[in-house]
């Protein structure tokens, strides 16, 4: 079973901005209860959509500069990147079905 890719400041550009596939980045924090609740859905989608889309997680406490760069003011924040650019975002916990609907725009 695939798990979400773990992002850091050192691999963000290569894994997200230079990716040939669309990327969903989950900006999260270890102290955030809704973020912890999202973990099974994120890992499930990473497995289900493997090869069509990359699902990745970025800890905002360990990568505050990136969170600032992308104006992440609350967690969890989900941002879809395509061709190195942000194309959409959602803030707050989402059901698996809500995330699938959110991702449908890049999975057509």
C-alpha atoms as a PDB file:
ATOM      1  CA  UNK A   1       0.000   0.000   0.000  1.00  0.00           C
ATOM      2  CA  UNK A   2       1.398   3.375  -1.005  1.00  0.00           C
ATOM      3  CA  UNK A   3       1.662   6.051   1.602  1.00  0.00           C
ATOM      4  CA  UNK A   4       1.780   9.771   1.078  1.00  0.00           C
ATOM      5  CA  UNK A   5       5.155  11.162   0.090  1.00  0.00           C
ATOM      6  CA  UNK A   6       6.832  13.114   2.902  1.00  0.00           C
ATOM      7  CA  UNK A   7       7.934  16.561   1.785  1.00  0.00           C
ATOM      8  CA  UNK A   8      10.631  18.813   3.206  1.00  0.00           C
ATOM      9  CA  UNK A   9      12.141  22.113   2.144  1.00  0.00           C
ATOM     10  CA  UNK A  10      14.936  20.171   0.428  1.00  0.00           C
ATOM     11  CA  UNK A  11      12.705  17.989  -1.789  1.00  0.00           C
ATOM     12  CA  UNK A  12       9.626  20.223  -2.300  1.00  0.00           C
ATOM     13  CA  UNK A  13      10.755  21.797  -5.558  1.00  0.00           C
ATOM     14  CA  UNK A  14      11.728  18.487  -7.168  1.00  0.00           C
ATOM     15  CA  UNK A  15       8.748  16.456  -5.922  1.00  0.00           C
ATOM     16  CA  UNK A  16       6.015  19.090  -6.369  1.00  0.00           C
ATOM     17  CA  UNK A  17       7.009  21.973  -8.628  1.00  0.00           C
ATOM     18  CA  UNK A  18       8.900  19.801 -11.157  1.00  0.00           C
ATOM     19  CA  UNK A  19       6.489  16.838 -11.057  1.00  0.00           C
ATOM     20  CA  UNK A  20       5.045  15.566 -14.322  1.00  0.00           C
ATOM     21  CA  UNK A  21       1.948  14.394 -12.425  1.00  0.00           C
ATOM     22  CA  UNK A  22      -0.452  16.631 -10.497  1.00  0.00           C
ATOM     23  CA  UNK A  23       0.354  16.758  -6.776  1.00  0.00           C
ATOM     24  CA  UNK A  24      -1.965  17.122  -3.787  1.00  0.00           C
ATOM     25  CA  UNK A  25      -0.027  18.545  -0.842  1.00  0.00           C
ATOM     26  CA  UNK A  26      -1.478  18.102   2.635  1.00  0.00           C
ATOM     27  CA  UNK A  27      -0.075  20.902   4.817  1.00  0.00           C
ATOM     28  CA  UNK A  28      -0.456  19.513   8.343  1.00  0.00           C
ATOM     29  CA  UNK A  29       0.856  19.710  11.917  1.00  0.00           C
ATOM     30  CA  UNK A  30       1.436  17.039  14.566  1.00  0.00           C
ATOM     31  CA  UNK A  31      -0.627  18.947  17.172  1.00  0.00           C
ATOM     32  CA  UNK A  32      -3.637  19.242  14.830  1.00  0.00           C
ATOM     33  CA  UNK A  33      -6.429  16.751  15.626  1.00  0.00           C
ATOM     34  CA  UNK A  34      -8.232  17.182  12.264  1.00  0.00           C
ATOM     35  CA  UNK A  35      -4.876  16.560  10.536  1.00  0.00           C
ATOM     36  CA  UNK A  36      -4.475  13.273  12.402  1.00  0.00           C
ATOM     37  CA  UNK A  37      -8.033  12.299  11.476  1.00  0.00           C
ATOM     38  CA  UNK A  38      -7.184  12.879   7.798  1.00  0.00           C
ATOM     39  CA  UNK A  39      -4.154  10.558   7.778  1.00  0.00           C
ATOM     40  CA  UNK A  40      -5.991   7.301   6.888  1.00  0.00           C
ATOM     41  CA  UNK A  41      -7.881   9.029   4.038  1.00  0.00           C
ATOM     42  CA  UNK A  42      -4.673  10.579   2.690  1.00  0.00           C
ATOM     43  CA  UNK A  43      -2.818   7.243   2.740  1.00  0.00           C
ATOM     44  CA  UNK A  44      -5.801   5.454   1.178  1.00  0.00           C
ATOM     45  CA  UNK A  45      -5.985   7.984  -1.659  1.00  0.00           C
ATOM     46  CA  UNK A  46      -2.215   7.772  -2.158  1.00  0.00           C
ATOM     47  CA  UNK A  47      -2.597   4.044  -2.749  1.00  0.00           C
ATOM     48  CA  UNK A  48      -5.777   4.295  -4.839  1.00  0.00           C
ATOM     49  CA  UNK A  49      -4.495   7.066  -7.119  1.00  0.00           C
ATOM     50  CA  UNK A  50      -0.901   5.851  -7.442  1.00  0.00           C
ATOM     51  CA  UNK A  51       0.357   6.591 -10.948  1.00  0.00           C
ATOM     52  CA  UNK A  52      -2.351   9.194 -11.654  1.00  0.00           C
ATOM     53  CA  UNK A  53      -1.520  11.726  -8.983  1.00  0.00           C
ATOM     54  CA  UNK A  54       1.049  12.210  -6.243  1.00  0.00           C
ATOM     55  CA  UNK A  55      -0.220  12.699  -2.721  1.00  0.00           C
ATOM     56  CA  UNK A  56       2.252  14.303  -0.353  1.00  0.00           C
ATOM     57  CA  UNK A  57       2.386  15.681   3.180  1.00  0.00           C
ATOM     58  CA  UNK A  58       4.277  18.694   4.482  1.00  0.00           C
ATOM     59  CA  UNK A  59       4.658  19.324   8.216  1.00  0.00           C
ATOM     60  CA  UNK A  60       4.177  23.079   8.618  1.00  0.00           C
ATOM     61  CA  UNK A  61       6.066  23.240  11.925  1.00  0.00           C
ATOM     62  CA  UNK A  62       9.176  21.659  10.409  1.00  0.00           C
ATOM     63  CA  UNK A  63       8.836  23.623   7.135  1.00  0.00           C
ATOM     64  CA  UNK A  64       7.459  26.990   8.234  1.00  0.00           C
ATOM     65  CA  UNK A  65       9.092  28.805   5.314  1.00  0.00           C
ATOM     66  CA  UNK A  66       7.136  26.777   2.753  1.00  0.00           C
ATOM     67  CA  UNK A  67       3.907  27.210   4.711  1.00  0.00           C
ATOM     68  CA  UNK A  68       4.543  30.968   4.663  1.00  0.00           C
ATOM     69  CA  UNK A  69       5.443  30.961   0.953  1.00  0.00           C
ATOM     70  CA  UNK A  70       2.102  29.342   0.098  1.00  0.00           C
ATOM     71  CA  UNK A  71       0.083  31.460   2.584  1.00  0.00           C
ATOM     72  CA  UNK A  72      -1.015  28.455   4.641  1.00  0.00           C
ATOM     73  CA  UNK A  73      -2.820  30.047   7.574  1.00  0.00           C
ATOM     74  CA  UNK A  74      -4.679  27.017   8.900  1.00  0.00           C
ATOM     75  CA  UNK A  75      -4.209  23.265   8.938  1.00  0.00           C
ATOM     76  CA  UNK A  76      -5.024  21.017   7.348  1.00  0.00           C
ATOM     77  CA  UNK A  77      -4.725  22.858   4.049  1.00  0.00           C
ATOM     78  CA  UNK A  78      -4.853  20.864   0.820  1.00  0.00           C
ATOM     79  CA  UNK A  79      -3.305  22.426  -2.278  1.00  0.00           C
ATOM     80  CA  UNK A  80      -3.335  20.899  -5.759  1.00  0.00           C
ATOM     81  CA  UNK A  81      -0.297  21.713  -7.892  1.00  0.00           C
ATOM     82  CA  UNK A  82      -0.161  21.071 -11.613  1.00  0.00           C
ATOM     83  CA  UNK A  83       2.757  21.997 -13.870  1.00  0.00           C
ATOM     84  CA  UNK A  84       4.443  23.662 -10.887  1.00  0.00           C
ATOM     85  CA  UNK A  85       1.553  25.987 -10.114  1.00  0.00           C
ATOM     86  CA  UNK A  86      -1.168  26.007  -7.477  1.00  0.00           C
ATOM     87  CA  UNK A  87      -4.507  25.400  -9.144  1.00  0.00           C
ATOM     88  CA  UNK A  88      -6.823  24.992  -6.152  1.00  0.00           C
ATOM     89  CA  UNK A  89      -6.938  24.685  -2.367  1.00  0.00           C
ATOM     90  CA  UNK A  90      -9.221  23.640   0.467  1.00  0.00           C
ATOM     91  CA  UNK A  91      -8.785  24.387   4.147  1.00  0.00           C
ATOM     92  CA  UNK A  92     -10.079  22.136   6.922  1.00  0.00           C
ATOM     93  CA  UNK A  93     -10.778  18.466   7.349  1.00  0.00           C
ATOM     94  CA  UNK A  94     -12.428  16.768   4.371  1.00  0.00           C
ATOM     95  CA  UNK A  95     -14.083  13.404   3.950  1.00  0.00           C
ATOM     96  CA  UNK A  96     -12.505  10.963   1.509  1.00  0.00           C
ATOM     97  CA  UNK A  97     -15.380  11.662  -0.893  1.00  0.00           C
ATOM     98  CA  UNK A  98     -14.858  15.430  -0.612  1.00  0.00           C
ATOM     99  CA  UNK A  99     -11.162  14.963  -1.413  1.00  0.00           C
ATOM    100  CA  UNK A 100     -12.013  12.753  -4.404  1.00  0.00           C
ATOM    101  CA  UNK A 101     -14.388  15.430  -5.715  1.00  0.00           C
ATOM    102  CA  UNK A 102     -11.721  18.085  -5.130  1.00  0.00           C
ATOM    103  CA  UNK A 103      -9.169  15.984  -7.054  1.00  0.00           C
ATOM    104  CA  UNK A 104     -11.558  15.178  -9.923  1.00  0.00           C
ATOM    105  CA  UNK A 105     -10.591  18.410 -11.709  1.00  0.00           C
ATOM    106  CA  UNK A 106      -7.058  17.110 -12.315  1.00  0.00           C
ATOM    107  CA  UNK A 107      -7.964  13.461 -12.859  1.00  0.00           C
ATOM    108  CA  UNK A 108     -10.138  13.992 -15.963  1.00  0.00           C
END
